[in-house]
Amino acid sequence: MISPGRSWREFPQRYRLEAEKCTVCGKIHYPPRVTCSKCGARTFESLVLPREGKVVTFTVVRVPPAGFTEQTPLPVAIVEVMDGVRLMVQIGDVADPDEIEIGMPVRLEFRRISSDGEAGLIFYGHKAVPRLDA
C-alpha cells in the first residue's frame, strides 16, 4: 500500500492537476506524456491547470459500480479547463442532475471520491461543482 504522502508526490497530475506543455509547439498534455502527440518533441515544462472550467458534455450514471452506490444518481462530466485540456470528473453539489447544463461554469475541488469499506481506505480526487459567481 502507498502512503498518502508518497502518493501525493508520485501522482502530481492527479492530485495537483499538473500538466506538461510542449516547449516546441505549446500543446498541453494532461496527464503528462513522454512524447508530444502533436509534434513528437520530448521537452516539456510543467504547469498547473486552472481550477475553473465549463461542462462540455455529461451523463448521469443511475446504476453505479461498486463503491459508488451511495452516490446514485452519479453525474459525470467532461470539463474543459483551458486550451482544449479536458478532464473527466464527477459533478458534486447538485441536488438534481437536471440542473446540469452543457456550458455550465464549474470549479474543480479536491474531495472524497469513494471509499473501500473493508479496508477503510478513502480515495480522493477532483469533483466539479457549479460556480455560483458565474
N, C-alpha and C. Protein backbone atom coordinates (compact mmCIF):
# COMPACT_ATOMS: atom_id res chain seq x y z
N MET A 1 0.85 -1.18 0.00
CA MET A 1 0.00 0.00 0.00
C MET A 1 0.89 1.25 0.00
N ILE A 2 0.50 2.25 -0.76
CA ILE A 2 1.26 3.50 -0.85
C ILE A 2 0.72 4.48 0.19
N SER A 3 1.62 5.11 0.93
CA SER A 3 1.20 6.09 1.93
C SER A 3 0.63 7.32 1.23
N PRO A 4 -0.26 8.07 1.89
CA PRO A 4 -0.83 9.27 1.27
C PRO A 4 0.24 10.28 0.86
N GLY A 5 1.29 10.47 1.69
CA GLY A 5 2.35 11.40 1.35
C GLY A 5 3.11 10.98 0.11
N ARG A 6 3.42 9.71 0.01
CA ARG A 6 4.13 9.21 -1.16
C ARG A 6 3.24 9.29 -2.39
N SER A 7 1.97 8.97 -2.23
CA SER A 7 1.02 9.04 -3.33
C SER A 7 0.93 10.46 -3.87
N TRP A 8 0.94 11.46 -2.97
CA TRP A 8 0.87 12.86 -3.37
C TRP A 8 2.05 13.22 -4.26
N ARG A 9 3.23 12.73 -3.90
CA ARG A 9 4.43 13.04 -4.69
C ARG A 9 4.46 12.28 -6.01
N GLU A 10 3.94 11.05 -6.04
CA GLU A 10 4.03 10.23 -7.23
C GLU A 10 2.94 10.51 -8.26
N PHE A 11 1.86 11.13 -7.86
CA PHE A 11 0.78 11.38 -8.80
C PHE A 11 0.40 12.86 -8.82
N PRO A 12 1.36 13.74 -9.12
CA PRO A 12 1.05 15.18 -9.09
C PRO A 12 -0.04 15.58 -10.07
N GLN A 13 -0.09 14.92 -11.23
CA GLN A 13 -1.11 15.29 -12.18
C GLN A 13 -2.51 14.99 -11.64
N ARG A 14 -2.65 13.96 -10.85
CA ARG A 14 -3.97 13.61 -10.32
C ARG A 14 -4.37 14.52 -9.16
N TYR A 15 -3.47 14.72 -8.24
CA TYR A 15 -3.81 15.44 -7.03
C TYR A 15 -3.61 16.95 -7.12
N ARG A 16 -2.65 17.37 -7.92
CA ARG A 16 -2.38 18.81 -8.01
C ARG A 16 -2.72 19.37 -9.38
N LEU A 17 -3.31 18.54 -10.25
CA LEU A 17 -3.67 18.94 -11.61
C LEU A 17 -2.49 19.51 -12.38
N GLU A 18 -1.36 18.82 -12.32
CA GLU A 18 -0.18 19.25 -13.06
C GLU A 18 -0.20 18.66 -14.47
N ALA A 19 0.07 19.51 -15.43
CA ALA A 19 0.13 19.11 -16.83
C ALA A 19 1.53 19.43 -17.36
N GLU A 20 1.77 19.07 -18.61
CA GLU A 20 3.04 19.37 -19.27
C GLU A 20 2.74 20.12 -20.56
N LYS A 21 3.50 21.19 -20.81
CA LYS A 21 3.36 21.97 -22.03
C LYS A 21 4.60 21.75 -22.89
N CYS A 22 4.38 21.33 -24.14
CA CYS A 22 5.49 21.08 -25.05
C CYS A 22 6.23 22.39 -25.30
N THR A 23 7.55 22.36 -25.16
CA THR A 23 8.34 23.58 -25.36
C THR A 23 8.55 23.89 -26.84
N VAL A 24 8.20 22.95 -27.72
CA VAL A 24 8.36 23.18 -29.15
C VAL A 24 7.09 23.77 -29.77
N CYS A 25 5.95 23.09 -29.57
CA CYS A 25 4.71 23.53 -30.23
C CYS A 25 3.69 24.15 -29.28
N GLY A 26 3.86 23.98 -27.96
CA GLY A 26 2.95 24.58 -26.99
C GLY A 26 1.74 23.74 -26.63
N LYS A 27 1.59 22.53 -27.18
CA LYS A 27 0.45 21.68 -26.84
C LYS A 27 0.54 21.26 -25.37
N ILE A 28 -0.60 21.33 -24.69
CA ILE A 28 -0.66 20.95 -23.28
C ILE A 28 -1.19 19.53 -23.18
N HIS A 29 -0.49 18.70 -22.39
CA HIS A 29 -0.88 17.31 -22.20
C HIS A 29 -1.27 17.06 -20.75
N TYR A 30 -2.46 16.51 -20.58
CA TYR A 30 -2.90 16.07 -19.26
C TYR A 30 -3.58 14.73 -19.44
N PRO A 31 -3.09 13.69 -18.77
CA PRO A 31 -1.88 13.66 -17.96
C PRO A 31 -0.63 13.80 -18.80
N PRO A 32 0.51 14.11 -18.16
CA PRO A 32 1.76 14.29 -18.89
C PRO A 32 2.14 13.05 -19.71
N ARG A 33 2.89 13.29 -20.78
CA ARG A 33 3.34 12.23 -21.68
C ARG A 33 4.85 12.31 -21.85
N VAL A 34 5.42 11.29 -22.43
CA VAL A 34 6.85 11.28 -22.72
C VAL A 34 7.12 12.00 -24.03
N THR A 35 6.20 11.85 -24.99
CA THR A 35 6.36 12.44 -26.32
C THR A 35 5.13 13.27 -26.66
N CYS A 36 5.33 14.43 -27.24
CA CYS A 36 4.22 15.29 -27.65
C CYS A 36 3.42 14.62 -28.76
N SER A 37 2.11 14.57 -28.60
CA SER A 37 1.26 13.93 -29.61
C SER A 37 1.11 14.79 -30.87
N LYS A 38 1.46 16.06 -30.78
CA LYS A 38 1.32 16.95 -31.94
C LYS A 38 2.59 17.01 -32.79
N CYS A 39 3.76 17.18 -32.14
CA CYS A 39 5.00 17.38 -32.91
C CYS A 39 6.07 16.32 -32.65
N GLY A 40 5.88 15.46 -31.66
CA GLY A 40 6.85 14.41 -31.38
C GLY A 40 8.01 14.83 -30.50
N ALA A 41 8.02 16.08 -30.05
CA ALA A 41 9.11 16.55 -29.18
C ALA A 41 9.08 15.83 -27.83
N ARG A 42 10.19 15.91 -27.11
CA ARG A 42 10.30 15.26 -25.80
C ARG A 42 10.69 16.23 -24.70
N THR A 43 10.52 17.52 -24.94
CA THR A 43 10.85 18.50 -23.91
C THR A 43 9.57 19.24 -23.51
N PHE A 44 9.36 19.29 -22.20
CA PHE A 44 8.14 19.88 -21.67
C PHE A 44 8.45 20.78 -20.49
N GLU A 45 7.54 21.68 -20.21
CA GLU A 45 7.60 22.46 -18.97
C GLU A 45 6.31 22.17 -18.20
N SER A 46 6.45 22.06 -16.89
CA SER A 46 5.28 21.76 -16.05
C SER A 46 4.43 23.00 -15.84
N LEU A 47 3.13 22.77 -15.73
CA LEU A 47 2.21 23.85 -15.38
C LEU A 47 1.05 23.26 -14.61
N VAL A 48 0.44 24.08 -13.78
CA VAL A 48 -0.72 23.65 -13.00
C VAL A 48 -1.96 24.15 -13.72
N LEU A 49 -2.90 23.25 -13.95
CA LEU A 49 -4.13 23.61 -14.64
C LEU A 49 -5.01 24.49 -13.75
N PRO A 50 -5.78 25.38 -14.36
CA PRO A 50 -6.68 26.21 -13.57
C PRO A 50 -7.79 25.36 -12.96
N ARG A 51 -8.37 25.83 -11.90
CA ARG A 51 -9.43 25.10 -11.20
C ARG A 51 -10.82 25.47 -11.71
N GLU A 52 -10.90 26.30 -12.74
CA GLU A 52 -12.20 26.69 -13.27
C GLU A 52 -12.31 26.27 -14.72
N GLY A 53 -13.54 25.89 -15.11
CA GLY A 53 -13.77 25.46 -16.48
C GLY A 53 -15.25 25.43 -16.78
N LYS A 54 -15.60 24.67 -17.83
CA LYS A 54 -17.01 24.56 -18.21
C LYS A 54 -17.32 23.13 -18.61
N VAL A 55 -18.57 22.73 -18.43
CA VAL A 55 -19.02 21.40 -18.80
C VAL A 55 -19.14 21.33 -20.32
N VAL A 56 -18.45 20.35 -20.92
CA VAL A 56 -18.52 20.14 -22.36
C VAL A 56 -19.63 19.15 -22.68
N THR A 57 -19.71 18.08 -21.90
CA THR A 57 -20.76 17.09 -22.02
C THR A 57 -20.86 16.35 -20.69
N PHE A 58 -21.96 15.66 -20.47
CA PHE A 58 -22.13 14.94 -19.20
C PHE A 58 -23.10 13.79 -19.38
N THR A 59 -23.09 12.91 -18.40
CA THR A 59 -24.06 11.83 -18.33
C THR A 59 -24.38 11.59 -16.87
N VAL A 60 -25.46 10.89 -16.61
CA VAL A 60 -25.85 10.55 -15.25
C VAL A 60 -25.89 9.04 -15.14
N VAL A 61 -25.02 8.50 -14.30
CA VAL A 61 -24.96 7.05 -14.08
C VAL A 61 -26.00 6.71 -13.01
N ARG A 62 -26.97 5.90 -13.39
CA ARG A 62 -28.05 5.55 -12.45
C ARG A 62 -27.84 4.16 -11.83
N VAL A 63 -26.98 3.34 -12.44
CA VAL A 63 -26.62 2.04 -11.87
C VAL A 63 -25.09 2.04 -11.75
N PRO A 64 -24.59 2.58 -10.64
CA PRO A 64 -23.14 2.77 -10.50
C PRO A 64 -22.40 1.49 -10.14
N PRO A 65 -21.09 1.50 -10.35
CA PRO A 65 -20.27 0.35 -9.96
C PRO A 65 -20.12 0.29 -8.44
N ALA A 66 -19.60 -0.83 -7.97
CA ALA A 66 -19.37 -1.00 -6.53
C ALA A 66 -18.52 0.14 -6.00
N GLY A 67 -18.85 0.61 -4.80
CA GLY A 67 -18.12 1.69 -4.19
C GLY A 67 -18.75 3.05 -4.44
N PHE A 68 -19.70 3.11 -5.34
CA PHE A 68 -20.34 4.39 -5.68
C PHE A 68 -21.86 4.34 -5.48
N THR A 69 -22.36 3.24 -4.92
CA THR A 69 -23.82 3.08 -4.80
C THR A 69 -24.48 4.14 -3.93
N GLU A 70 -23.76 4.67 -2.94
CA GLU A 70 -24.35 5.71 -2.08
C GLU A 70 -24.42 7.06 -2.78
N GLN A 71 -23.81 7.17 -3.96
CA GLN A 71 -23.78 8.43 -4.69
C GLN A 71 -24.77 8.46 -5.86
N THR A 72 -25.69 7.50 -5.91
CA THR A 72 -26.66 7.42 -7.01
C THR A 72 -27.71 8.51 -6.86
N PRO A 73 -28.10 9.19 -7.94
CA PRO A 73 -27.52 9.15 -9.27
C PRO A 73 -26.16 9.84 -9.27
N LEU A 74 -25.27 9.39 -10.16
CA LEU A 74 -23.89 9.84 -10.19
C LEU A 74 -23.62 10.63 -11.47
N PRO A 75 -23.63 11.96 -11.41
CA PRO A 75 -23.33 12.75 -12.61
C PRO A 75 -21.82 12.78 -12.87
N VAL A 76 -21.45 12.53 -14.12
CA VAL A 76 -20.06 12.54 -14.55
C VAL A 76 -19.97 13.43 -15.78
N ALA A 77 -18.93 14.27 -15.84
CA ALA A 77 -18.82 15.23 -16.94
C ALA A 77 -17.42 15.28 -17.52
N ILE A 78 -17.35 15.75 -18.75
CA ILE A 78 -16.09 16.15 -19.36
C ILE A 78 -16.05 17.67 -19.17
N VAL A 79 -15.01 18.15 -18.50
CA VAL A 79 -14.87 19.57 -18.20
C VAL A 79 -13.63 20.10 -18.92
N GLU A 80 -13.80 21.19 -19.65
CA GLU A 80 -12.67 21.84 -20.32
C GLU A 80 -12.17 22.95 -19.41
N VAL A 81 -10.87 22.89 -19.06
CA VAL A 81 -10.31 23.88 -18.15
C VAL A 81 -9.50 24.96 -18.86
N MET A 82 -8.81 24.62 -19.96
CA MET A 82 -8.05 25.63 -20.70
C MET A 82 -7.51 25.05 -21.99
N ASP A 83 -7.40 25.87 -23.00
CA ASP A 83 -6.72 25.49 -24.25
C ASP A 83 -7.04 24.08 -24.73
N GLY A 84 -8.28 23.65 -24.59
CA GLY A 84 -8.67 22.33 -25.05
C GLY A 84 -8.36 21.20 -24.10
N VAL A 85 -7.79 21.49 -22.92
CA VAL A 85 -7.50 20.44 -21.94
C VAL A 85 -8.81 20.04 -21.26
N ARG A 86 -9.12 18.76 -21.35
CA ARG A 86 -10.38 18.25 -20.81
C ARG A 86 -10.12 17.14 -19.81
N LEU A 87 -10.96 17.12 -18.77
CA LEU A 87 -10.86 16.11 -17.71
C LEU A 87 -12.22 15.47 -17.51
N MET A 88 -12.22 14.19 -17.16
CA MET A 88 -13.47 13.54 -16.79
C MET A 88 -13.55 13.53 -15.27
N VAL A 89 -14.61 14.12 -14.75
CA VAL A 89 -14.78 14.24 -13.30
C VAL A 89 -16.23 14.03 -12.90
N GLN A 90 -16.43 13.69 -11.64
CA GLN A 90 -17.77 13.66 -11.08
C GLN A 90 -18.24 15.10 -10.85
N ILE A 91 -19.55 15.28 -10.84
CA ILE A 91 -20.11 16.58 -10.53
C ILE A 91 -20.70 16.49 -9.13
N GLY A 92 -20.34 17.46 -8.27
CA GLY A 92 -20.85 17.48 -6.91
C GLY A 92 -21.70 18.70 -6.66
N ASP A 93 -22.34 18.71 -5.51
CA ASP A 93 -23.15 19.85 -5.06
C ASP A 93 -24.30 20.17 -5.99
N VAL A 94 -24.86 19.15 -6.64
CA VAL A 94 -26.03 19.35 -7.48
C VAL A 94 -27.14 18.44 -6.93
N ALA A 95 -28.20 19.06 -6.42
CA ALA A 95 -29.29 18.29 -5.81
C ALA A 95 -30.04 17.47 -6.85
N ASP A 96 -30.22 18.01 -8.04
CA ASP A 96 -30.96 17.35 -9.09
C ASP A 96 -30.12 17.36 -10.37
N PRO A 97 -29.82 16.18 -10.93
CA PRO A 97 -29.00 16.15 -12.15
C PRO A 97 -29.59 16.97 -13.31
N ASP A 98 -30.88 17.25 -13.27
CA ASP A 98 -31.50 18.07 -14.32
C ASP A 98 -31.00 19.51 -14.28
N GLU A 99 -30.30 19.91 -13.20
CA GLU A 99 -29.74 21.26 -13.09
C GLU A 99 -28.47 21.42 -13.93
N ILE A 100 -27.85 20.31 -14.31
CA ILE A 100 -26.59 20.35 -15.06
C ILE A 100 -26.87 20.72 -16.51
N GLU A 101 -26.04 21.61 -17.06
CA GLU A 101 -26.20 22.04 -18.45
C GLU A 101 -24.85 22.07 -19.14
N ILE A 102 -24.86 21.80 -20.43
CA ILE A 102 -23.64 21.95 -21.22
C ILE A 102 -23.29 23.43 -21.24
N GLY A 103 -22.02 23.74 -21.01
CA GLY A 103 -21.56 25.12 -20.94
C GLY A 103 -21.59 25.70 -19.53
N MET A 104 -22.12 24.94 -18.58
CA MET A 104 -22.21 25.40 -17.19
C MET A 104 -20.82 25.64 -16.62
N PRO A 105 -20.56 26.83 -16.05
CA PRO A 105 -19.26 27.08 -15.44
C PRO A 105 -19.12 26.30 -14.13
N VAL A 106 -17.95 25.68 -13.96
CA VAL A 106 -17.70 24.87 -12.77
C VAL A 106 -16.33 25.19 -12.20
N ARG A 107 -16.14 24.78 -10.95
CA ARG A 107 -14.86 24.91 -10.25
C ARG A 107 -14.45 23.51 -9.80
N LEU A 108 -13.18 23.16 -9.97
CA LEU A 108 -12.70 21.86 -9.55
C LEU A 108 -12.25 21.94 -8.09
N GLU A 109 -12.78 21.03 -7.28
CA GLU A 109 -12.43 20.98 -5.86
C GLU A 109 -11.93 19.59 -5.52
N PHE A 110 -10.93 19.53 -4.64
CA PHE A 110 -10.36 18.26 -4.19
C PHE A 110 -11.28 17.70 -3.11
N ARG A 111 -11.86 16.52 -3.39
CA ARG A 111 -12.86 15.94 -2.48
C ARG A 111 -12.76 14.43 -2.43
N ARG A 112 -13.53 13.86 -1.51
CA ARG A 112 -13.64 12.41 -1.39
C ARG A 112 -14.40 11.89 -2.61
N ILE A 113 -13.82 10.89 -3.27
CA ILE A 113 -14.45 10.29 -4.44
C ILE A 113 -15.20 9.02 -4.04
N SER A 114 -14.51 8.14 -3.31
CA SER A 114 -15.13 6.88 -2.87
C SER A 114 -14.32 6.33 -1.71
N SER A 115 -14.81 5.20 -1.17
CA SER A 115 -14.08 4.55 -0.09
C SER A 115 -14.22 3.05 -0.21
N ASP A 116 -13.24 2.36 0.35
CA ASP A 116 -13.26 0.91 0.40
C ASP A 116 -13.61 0.54 1.82
N GLY A 117 -14.86 0.21 2.05
CA GLY A 117 -15.37 -0.05 3.38
C GLY A 117 -14.59 -1.09 4.16
N GLU A 118 -14.20 -2.18 3.50
CA GLU A 118 -13.49 -3.25 4.18
C GLU A 118 -12.11 -2.83 4.63
N ALA A 119 -11.39 -2.13 3.78
CA ALA A 119 -10.02 -1.73 4.10
C ALA A 119 -9.97 -0.38 4.82
N GLY A 120 -11.07 0.36 4.75
CA GLY A 120 -11.10 1.67 5.39
C GLY A 120 -10.38 2.76 4.62
N LEU A 121 -10.03 2.47 3.38
CA LEU A 121 -9.34 3.45 2.55
C LEU A 121 -10.33 4.47 1.98
N ILE A 122 -9.91 5.71 1.93
CA ILE A 122 -10.71 6.77 1.32
C ILE A 122 -9.93 7.29 0.13
N PHE A 123 -10.59 7.37 -1.03
CA PHE A 123 -9.96 7.82 -2.25
C PHE A 123 -10.41 9.25 -2.56
N TYR A 124 -9.43 10.09 -2.86
CA TYR A 124 -9.70 11.50 -3.14
C TYR A 124 -9.37 11.83 -4.58
N GLY A 125 -9.99 12.87 -5.07
CA GLY A 125 -9.74 13.36 -6.42
C GLY A 125 -10.50 14.66 -6.60
N HIS A 126 -10.61 15.10 -7.82
CA HIS A 126 -11.30 16.36 -8.10
C HIS A 126 -12.73 16.12 -8.55
N LYS A 127 -13.62 16.95 -8.05
CA LYS A 127 -15.01 16.98 -8.49
C LYS A 127 -15.30 18.38 -9.00
N ALA A 128 -16.20 18.45 -9.97
CA ALA A 128 -16.62 19.75 -10.50
C ALA A 128 -17.87 20.18 -9.74
N VAL A 129 -17.86 21.41 -9.25
CA VAL A 129 -19.04 21.95 -8.58
C VAL A 129 -19.44 23.24 -9.30
N PRO A 130 -20.74 23.51 -9.36
CA PRO A 130 -21.20 24.71 -10.06
C PRO A 130 -20.57 25.97 -9.44
N ARG A 131 -20.16 26.88 -10.33
CA ARG A 131 -19.64 28.18 -9.86
C ARG A 131 -20.82 29.09 -9.61
N LEU A 132 -20.91 29.58 -8.40
CA LEU A 132 -22.02 30.44 -8.03
C LEU A 132 -21.79 31.88 -8.48
N ASP A 133 -20.54 32.25 -8.76
CA ASP A 133 -20.22 33.62 -9.14
C ASP A 133 -20.36 33.85 -10.64
N ALA A 134 -20.68 32.80 -11.39
CA ALA A 134 -20.74 32.95 -12.86
C ALA A 134 -22.14 33.34 -13.32
